[in-house]
Amino acid sequence: QSDKQIHMAPHFRSDLNIYYELMHLSELIPSIYSLLLSKLRLRQSEIDINCLFCCVLLSLTAILDDVGSLDAVHLNQRGYEMGSKVHVKVEFAGGFSGTGITDSGYKVKIGPDGAVPYDLLLLSLVSCLHATFLDILNKKKIDFTSADIEVWGEKREQVPTTLKICELKIGIKGVDLSHRSSVEKSFELATKYCSVYKTVSSVAEIVWEVNFD
């Protein structure tokens, strides 16, 4: 039986940045507190709570700086630096059939016998989001066996027919039961740092659901 929770993503989330960062960091406070006690070899009754609180805050500040670099790490892994320009080329051989070519030479078939524009858009959304999700899990040192993400998009009827809603279903296998809550919070954090997700969510409502097998 899978664990299931559904979350709604509003169109604009930039005003919730602090909330997401604190949500991610709050689960680390007990671990940091215990670690400091262990390293200092002190019992809780022997310490100055104000001093320890300052240590915890300093630790969280360092972690927050690390989390803030997630997007930079994500982009660098894909070969793009922050602020750099992205370039692709599409060669059409008459009609709508063509081949998309990346700067690295990778080719994608486009047209009736290949991927159509919204296929490519949703594939970009899923791949970018998953890459960001992996960065966060790596920083938390959480492992899993495999993951699959399905996405459905519904377009508006009015011109221009931009996306109205996207529904994502994420299936994750091989996650330890004790890590499931942290994995789900990591995916929610990924929706904040993924640049393609933020781009799509500016015009569409995004609904996502995480399931564990």
C-alpha atoms as a PDB file:
ATOM      1  CA  GLN A   1       0.000   0.000   0.000  1.00  0.00           C
ATOM      2  CA  SER A   2       1.402   3.376  -0.963  1.00  0.00           C
ATOM      3  CA  ASP A   3       1.565   6.556   1.062  1.00  0.00           C
ATOM      4  CA  LYS A   4      -0.204   9.346  -0.769  1.00  0.00           C
ATOM      5  CA  GLN A   5      -0.477  13.089  -0.226  1.00  0.00           C
ATOM      6  CA  ILE A   6      -1.657  15.711  -2.680  1.00  0.00           C
ATOM      7  CA  HIS A   7      -0.359  19.273  -2.819  1.00  0.00           C
ATOM      8  CA  MET A   8      -1.531  22.286  -4.762  1.00  0.00           C
ATOM      9  CA  ALA A   9       0.962  24.753  -6.188  1.00  0.00           C
ATOM     10  CA  PRO A  10      -0.335  28.337  -6.632  1.00  0.00           C
ATOM     11  CA  HIS A  11       0.645  30.333  -9.691  1.00  0.00           C
ATOM     12  CA  PHE A  12       3.128  32.536  -7.852  1.00  0.00           C
ATOM     13  CA  ARG A  13       5.208  31.254  -4.939  1.00  0.00           C
ATOM     14  CA  SER A  14       8.023  33.803  -4.733  1.00  0.00           C
ATOM     15  CA  ASP A  15       6.486  35.308  -1.582  1.00  0.00           C
ATOM     16  CA  LEU A  16       6.814  31.938   0.171  1.00  0.00           C
ATOM     17  CA  ASN A  17      10.566  31.509  -0.205  1.00  0.00           C
ATOM     18  CA  ILE A  18      11.260  31.864   3.509  1.00  0.00           C
ATOM     19  CA  TYR A  19       8.501  29.384   4.344  1.00  0.00           C
ATOM     20  CA  TYR A  20      10.004  26.703   2.101  1.00  0.00           C
ATOM     21  CA  GLU A  21      13.492  27.203   3.475  1.00  0.00           C
ATOM     22  CA  LEU A  22      12.325  27.022   7.079  1.00  0.00           C
ATOM     23  CA  MET A  23      10.125  24.028   6.292  1.00  0.00           C
ATOM     24  CA  HIS A  24      13.178  22.218   4.957  1.00  0.00           C
ATOM     25  CA  LEU A  25      15.426  23.246   7.835  1.00  0.00           C
ATOM     26  CA  SER A  26      13.005  22.654  10.711  1.00  0.00           C
ATOM     27  CA  GLU A  27      13.390  18.891  10.422  1.00  0.00           C
ATOM     28  CA  LEU A  28      17.156  19.277  10.899  1.00  0.00           C
ATOM     29  CA  ILE A  29      17.018  21.139  14.229  1.00  0.00           C
ATOM     30  CA  PRO A  30      16.644  18.045  16.493  1.00  0.00           C
ATOM     31  CA  SER A  31      19.525  16.307  14.695  1.00  0.00           C
ATOM     32  CA  ILE A  32      21.781  19.361  15.009  1.00  0.00           C
ATOM     33  CA  TYR A  33      20.860  19.743  18.670  1.00  0.00           C
ATOM     34  CA  SER A  34      21.701  16.099  19.448  1.00  0.00           C
ATOM     35  CA  LEU A  35      24.905  16.263  17.426  1.00  0.00           C
ATOM     36  CA  LEU A  36      26.138  19.325  19.290  1.00  0.00           C
ATOM     37  CA  LEU A  37      25.419  17.705  22.657  1.00  0.00           C
ATOM     38  CA  SER A  38      27.323  14.619  21.552  1.00  0.00           C
ATOM     39  CA  LYS A  39      30.308  16.548  20.228  1.00  0.00           C
ATOM     40  CA  LEU A  40      30.506  18.719  23.336  1.00  0.00           C
ATOM     41  CA  ARG A  41      29.993  15.641  25.557  1.00  0.00           C
ATOM     42  CA  LEU A  42      27.511  17.524  27.702  1.00  0.00           C
ATOM     43  CA  ARG A  43      24.187  16.638  29.239  1.00  0.00           C
ATOM     44  CA  GLN A  44      21.311  18.970  28.466  1.00  0.00           C
ATOM     45  CA  SER A  45      21.203  20.177  32.086  1.00  0.00           C
ATOM     46  CA  GLU A  46      24.868  21.245  31.923  1.00  0.00           C
ATOM     47  CA  ILE A  47      24.695  23.646  29.011  1.00  0.00           C
ATOM     48  CA  ASP A  48      23.769  27.245  28.556  1.00  0.00           C
ATOM     49  CA  ILE A  49      20.670  27.021  26.360  1.00  0.00           C
ATOM     50  CA  ASN A  50      21.312  30.451  24.849  1.00  0.00           C
ATOM     51  CA  CYS A  51      24.788  29.414  23.756  1.00  0.00           C
ATOM     52  CA  LEU A  52      23.524  26.185  22.249  1.00  0.00           C
ATOM     53  CA  PHE A  53      20.700  28.021  20.475  1.00  0.00           C
ATOM     54  CA  CYS A  54      23.267  30.322  18.867  1.00  0.00           C
ATOM     55  CA  CYS A  55      25.237  27.270  17.696  1.00  0.00           C
ATOM     56  CA  VAL A  56      22.109  25.793  16.167  1.00  0.00           C
ATOM     57  CA  LEU A  57      21.343  29.049  14.379  1.00  0.00           C
ATOM     58  CA  LEU A  58      24.869  29.232  12.996  1.00  0.00           C
ATOM     59  CA  SER A  59      24.571  25.655  11.759  1.00  0.00           C
ATOM     60  CA  LEU A  60      21.236  26.396  10.109  1.00  0.00           C
ATOM     61  CA  THR A  61      22.679  29.492   8.455  1.00  0.00           C
ATOM     62  CA  ALA A  62      25.427  27.401   6.888  1.00  0.00           C
ATOM     63  CA  ILE A  63      22.893  24.828   5.705  1.00  0.00           C
ATOM     64  CA  LEU A  64      20.630  27.556   4.323  1.00  0.00           C
ATOM     65  CA  ASP A  65      23.513  28.921   2.272  1.00  0.00           C
ATOM     66  CA  ASP A  66      24.114  25.410   0.972  1.00  0.00           C
ATOM     67  CA  VAL A  67      20.441  24.913   0.078  1.00  0.00           C
ATOM     68  CA  GLY A  68      20.406  28.297  -1.624  1.00  0.00           C
ATOM     69  CA  SER A  69      23.053  27.047  -4.055  1.00  0.00           C
ATOM     70  CA  LEU A  70      20.887  24.144  -5.245  1.00  0.00           C
ATOM     71  CA  ASP A  71      19.855  25.765  -8.502  1.00  0.00           C
ATOM     72  CA  ALA A  72      23.452  26.656  -9.302  1.00  0.00           C
ATOM     73  CA  VAL A  73      24.557  23.078  -8.683  1.00  0.00           C
ATOM     74  CA  HIS A  74      21.643  21.759 -10.748  1.00  0.00           C
ATOM     75  CA  LEU A  75      22.476  23.967 -13.717  1.00  0.00           C
ATOM     76  CA  ASN A  76      26.188  23.255 -13.529  1.00  0.00           C
ATOM     77  CA  GLN A  77      25.543  19.517 -13.667  1.00  0.00           C
ATOM     78  CA  ARG A  78      23.716  20.059 -16.944  1.00  0.00           C
ATOM     79  CA  GLY A  79      26.561  22.157 -18.351  1.00  0.00           C
ATOM     80  CA  TYR A  80      24.978  25.581 -17.891  1.00  0.00           C
ATOM     81  CA  GLU A  81      26.348  28.328 -15.685  1.00  0.00           C
ATOM     82  CA  MET A  82      24.094  30.734 -13.842  1.00  0.00           C
ATOM     83  CA  GLY A  83      23.025  33.534 -16.178  1.00  0.00           C
ATOM     84  CA  SER A  84      24.285  31.752 -19.281  1.00  0.00           C
ATOM     85  CA  LYS A  85      22.357  31.563 -22.556  1.00  0.00           C
ATOM     86  CA  VAL A  86      20.797  28.301 -23.723  1.00  0.00           C
ATOM     87  CA  HIS A  87      20.828  27.478 -27.441  1.00  0.00           C
ATOM     88  CA  VAL A  88      19.178  24.787 -29.573  1.00  0.00           C
ATOM     89  CA  LYS A  89      18.486  24.460 -33.287  1.00  0.00           C
ATOM     90  CA  VAL A  90      15.613  22.817 -35.168  1.00  0.00           C
ATOM     91  CA  GLU A  91      16.024  21.763 -38.801  1.00  0.00           C
ATOM     92  CA  PHE A  92      12.707  21.343 -40.644  1.00  0.00           C
ATOM     93  CA  ALA A  93      12.712  19.202 -43.775  1.00  0.00           C
ATOM     94  CA  GLY A  94       9.499  20.611 -45.211  1.00  0.00           C
ATOM     95  CA  GLY A  95       6.244  20.721 -43.305  1.00  0.00           C
ATOM     96  CA  PHE A  96       6.286  20.178 -39.550  1.00  0.00           C
ATOM     97  CA  SER A  97       8.726  17.249 -39.467  1.00  0.00           C
ATOM     98  CA  GLY A  98      12.120  18.195 -38.158  1.00  0.00           C
ATOM     99  CA  THR A  99      15.043  17.447 -35.895  1.00  0.00           C
ATOM    100  CA  GLY A 100      15.949  19.378 -32.772  1.00  0.00           C
ATOM    101  CA  ILE A 101      19.676  19.608 -32.121  1.00  0.00           C
ATOM    102  CA  THR A 102      21.311  20.681 -28.872  1.00  0.00           C
ATOM    103  CA  ASP A 103      24.738  22.301 -28.614  1.00  0.00           C
ATOM    104  CA  SER A 104      26.077  18.962 -27.367  1.00  0.00           C
ATOM    105  CA  GLY A 105      24.884  17.311 -30.581  1.00  0.00           C
ATOM    106  CA  TYR A 106      21.946  15.394 -29.110  1.00  0.00           C
ATOM    107  CA  LYS A 107      19.065  15.050 -31.598  1.00  0.00           C
ATOM    108  CA  VAL A 108      15.316  14.892 -30.968  1.00  0.00           C
ATOM    109  CA  LYS A 109      12.791  13.983 -33.646  1.00  0.00           C
ATOM    110  CA  ILE A 110       9.999  16.568 -33.846  1.00  0.00           C
ATOM    111  CA  GLY A 111       6.698  16.332 -35.685  1.00  0.00           C
ATOM    112  CA  PRO A 112       3.874  13.871 -36.343  1.00  0.00           C
ATOM    113  CA  ASP A 113       6.280  10.920 -36.034  1.00  0.00           C
ATOM    114  CA  GLY A 114       8.150  12.348 -33.066  1.00  0.00           C
ATOM    115  CA  ALA A 115       7.659  14.726 -30.158  1.00  0.00           C
ATOM    116  CA  VAL A 116       5.248  17.660 -30.524  1.00  0.00           C
ATOM    117  CA  PRO A 117       5.725  20.997 -28.702  1.00  0.00           C
ATOM    118  CA  TYR A 118       3.752  20.200 -25.552  1.00  0.00           C
ATOM    119  CA  ASP A 119       5.447  16.796 -25.292  1.00  0.00           C
ATOM    120  CA  LEU A 120       8.754  18.626 -25.172  1.00  0.00           C
ATOM    121  CA  LEU A 121       7.468  21.177 -22.670  1.00  0.00           C
ATOM    122  CA  LEU A 122       6.216  18.525 -20.241  1.00  0.00           C
ATOM    123  CA  LEU A 123       9.376  16.456 -20.676  1.00  0.00           C
ATOM    124  CA  SER A 124      11.412  19.554 -19.830  1.00  0.00           C
ATOM    125  CA  LEU A 125       9.300  20.158 -16.734  1.00  0.00           C
ATOM    126  CA  VAL A 126       9.698  16.586 -15.470  1.00  0.00           C
ATOM    127  CA  SER A 127      13.420  16.261 -16.212  1.00  0.00           C
ATOM    128  CA  CYS A 128      14.352  19.616 -14.671  1.00  0.00           C
ATOM    129  CA  LEU A 129      12.232  18.978 -11.583  1.00  0.00           C
ATOM    130  CA  HIS A 130      13.705  15.514 -11.099  1.00  0.00           C
ATOM    131  CA  ALA A 131      17.278  16.812 -11.449  1.00  0.00           C
ATOM    132  CA  THR A 132      16.609  19.431  -8.766  1.00  0.00           C
ATOM    133  CA  PHE A 133      14.971  16.791  -6.562  1.00  0.00           C
ATOM    134  CA  LEU A 134      18.071  14.593  -6.886  1.00  0.00           C
ATOM    135  CA  ASP A 135      20.320  17.471  -5.832  1.00  0.00           C
ATOM    136  CA  ILE A 136      18.336  17.919  -2.635  1.00  0.00           C
ATOM    137  CA  LEU A 137      18.296  14.197  -1.808  1.00  0.00           C
ATOM    138  CA  ASN A 138      22.042  13.988  -2.418  1.00  0.00           C
ATOM    139  CA  LYS A 139      22.609  16.823   0.031  1.00  0.00           C
ATOM    140  CA  LYS A 140      20.478  14.972   2.580  1.00  0.00           C
ATOM    141  CA  LYS A 141      22.249  11.686   1.773  1.00  0.00           C
ATOM    142  CA  ILE A 142      18.966   9.892   1.112  1.00  0.00           C
ATOM    143  CA  ASP A 143      18.955   7.017  -1.362  1.00  0.00           C
ATOM    144  CA  PHE A 144      16.183   5.400  -3.387  1.00  0.00           C
ATOM    145  CA  THR A 145      16.019   2.655  -5.990  1.00  0.00           C
ATOM    146  CA  SER A 146      14.068   4.309  -8.818  1.00  0.00           C
ATOM    147  CA  ALA A 147      11.487   6.960  -9.612  1.00  0.00           C
ATOM    148  CA  ASP A 148       8.980   7.612 -12.368  1.00  0.00           C
ATOM    149  CA  ILE A 149       7.055  10.793 -12.989  1.00  0.00           C
ATOM    150  CA  GLU A 150       3.919  11.034 -15.094  1.00  0.00           C
ATOM    151  CA  VAL A 151       2.473  14.381 -16.087  1.00  0.00           C
ATOM    152  CA  TRP A 152      -0.767  15.433 -17.718  1.00  0.00           C
ATOM    153  CA  GLY A 153      -1.355  18.913 -19.078  1.00  0.00           C
ATOM    154  CA  GLU A 154      -4.652  20.617 -19.869  1.00  0.00           C
ATOM    155  CA  LYS A 155      -4.648  23.663 -22.128  1.00  0.00           C
ATOM    156  CA  ARG A 156      -6.950  26.654 -21.933  1.00  0.00           C
ATOM    157  CA  GLU A 157      -9.665  27.047 -24.524  1.00  0.00           C
ATOM    158  CA  GLN A 158      -9.034  30.744 -25.024  1.00  0.00           C
ATOM    159  CA  VAL A 159      -6.302  31.954 -27.376  1.00  0.00           C
ATOM    160  CA  PRO A 160      -3.443  31.882 -26.604  1.00  0.00           C
ATOM    161  CA  THR A 161      -4.126  28.364 -25.361  1.00  0.00           C
ATOM    162  CA  THR A 162      -1.514  28.272 -22.605  1.00  0.00           C
ATOM    163  CA  LEU A 163      -1.443  25.495 -20.047  1.00  0.00           C
ATOM    164  CA  LYS A 164      -4.275  25.689 -17.541  1.00  0.00           C
ATOM    165  CA  ILE A 165      -3.296  22.875 -15.190  1.00  0.00           C
ATOM    166  CA  CYS A 166      -0.582  20.240 -14.889  1.00  0.00           C
ATOM    167  CA  GLU A 167      -0.971  17.077 -12.844  1.00  0.00           C
ATOM    168  CA  LEU A 168       2.161  15.221 -11.755  1.00  0.00           C
ATOM    169  CA  LYS A 169       2.227  11.756 -10.202  1.00  0.00           C
ATOM    170  CA  ILE A 170       5.554  10.709  -8.742  1.00  0.00           C
ATOM    171  CA  GLY A 171       6.284   7.072  -7.901  1.00  0.00           C
ATOM    172  CA  ILE A 172       9.362   6.398  -5.775  1.00  0.00           C
ATOM    173  CA  LYS A 173      10.742   2.960  -4.949  1.00  0.00           C
ATOM    174  CA  GLY A 174      13.292   1.815  -2.430  1.00  0.00           C
ATOM    175  CA  VAL A 175      12.962   4.616   0.129  1.00  0.00           C
ATOM    176  CA  ASP A 176      13.420   3.675   3.770  1.00  0.00           C
ATOM    177  CA  LEU A 177      10.203   4.159   5.737  1.00  0.00           C
ATOM    178  CA  SER A 178      11.923   6.567   8.128  1.00  0.00           C
ATOM    179  CA  HIS A 179      12.910   8.827   5.217  1.00  0.00           C
ATOM    180  CA  ARG A 180       9.558   9.114   3.457  1.00  0.00           C
ATOM    181  CA  SER A 181       8.528  12.360   5.132  1.00  0.00           C
ATOM    182  CA  SER A 182      11.897  13.915   4.350  1.00  0.00           C
ATOM    183  CA  VAL A 183      11.690  12.744   0.721  1.00  0.00           C
ATOM    184  CA  GLU A 184       8.277  14.323   0.305  1.00  0.00           C
ATOM    185  CA  LYS A 185       9.499  17.593   1.812  1.00  0.00           C
ATOM    186  CA  SER A 186      12.501  17.420  -0.513  1.00  0.00           C
ATOM    187  CA  PHE A 187      10.244  17.135  -3.536  1.00  0.00           C
ATOM    188  CA  GLU A 188       8.218  20.115  -2.356  1.00  0.00           C
ATOM    189  CA  LEU A 189      11.456  22.051  -1.935  1.00  0.00           C
ATOM    190  CA  ALA A 190      12.445  21.026  -5.469  1.00  0.00           C
ATOM    191  CA  THR A 191       9.302  22.707  -6.816  1.00  0.00           C
ATOM    192  CA  LYS A 192      10.602  25.939  -5.346  1.00  0.00           C
ATOM    193  CA  TYR A 193      14.100  25.723  -6.844  1.00  0.00           C
ATOM    194  CA  CYS A 194      13.363  24.145 -10.239  1.00  0.00           C
ATOM    195  CA  SER A 195      13.536  26.912 -12.854  1.00  0.00           C
ATOM    196  CA  VAL A 196      11.324  25.155 -15.409  1.00  0.00           C
ATOM    197  CA  TYR A 197       8.717  24.406 -12.732  1.00  0.00           C
ATOM    198  CA  LYS A 198       8.701  28.074 -11.747  1.00  0.00           C
ATOM    199  CA  THR A 199       8.329  29.083 -15.389  1.00  0.00           C
ATOM    200  CA  VAL A 200       5.373  26.771 -16.032  1.00  0.00           C
ATOM    201  CA  SER A 201       3.707  27.573 -12.700  1.00  0.00           C
ATOM    202  CA  SER A 202       3.590  31.257 -13.684  1.00  0.00           C
ATOM    203  CA  VAL A 203       0.802  30.419 -16.152  1.00  0.00           C
ATOM    204  CA  ALA A 204      -0.577  27.067 -14.942  1.00  0.00           C
ATOM    205  CA  GLU A 205      -1.755  25.529 -11.711  1.00  0.00           C
ATOM    206  CA  ILE A 206       0.378  22.520 -10.832  1.00  0.00           C
ATOM    207  CA  VAL A 207      -0.925  19.606  -8.784  1.00  0.00           C
ATOM    208  CA  TRP A 208       1.510  16.954  -7.600  1.00  0.00           C
ATOM    209  CA  GLU A 209       1.229  13.693  -5.749  1.00  0.00           C
ATOM    210  CA  VAL A 210       3.974  11.500  -4.271  1.00  0.00           C
ATOM    211  CA  ASN A 211       3.534   7.734  -3.891  1.00  0.00           C
ATOM    212  CA  PHE A 212       5.930   5.284  -2.260  1.00  0.00           C
ATOM    213  CA  ASP A 213       6.160   1.641  -3.339  1.00  0.00           C
END
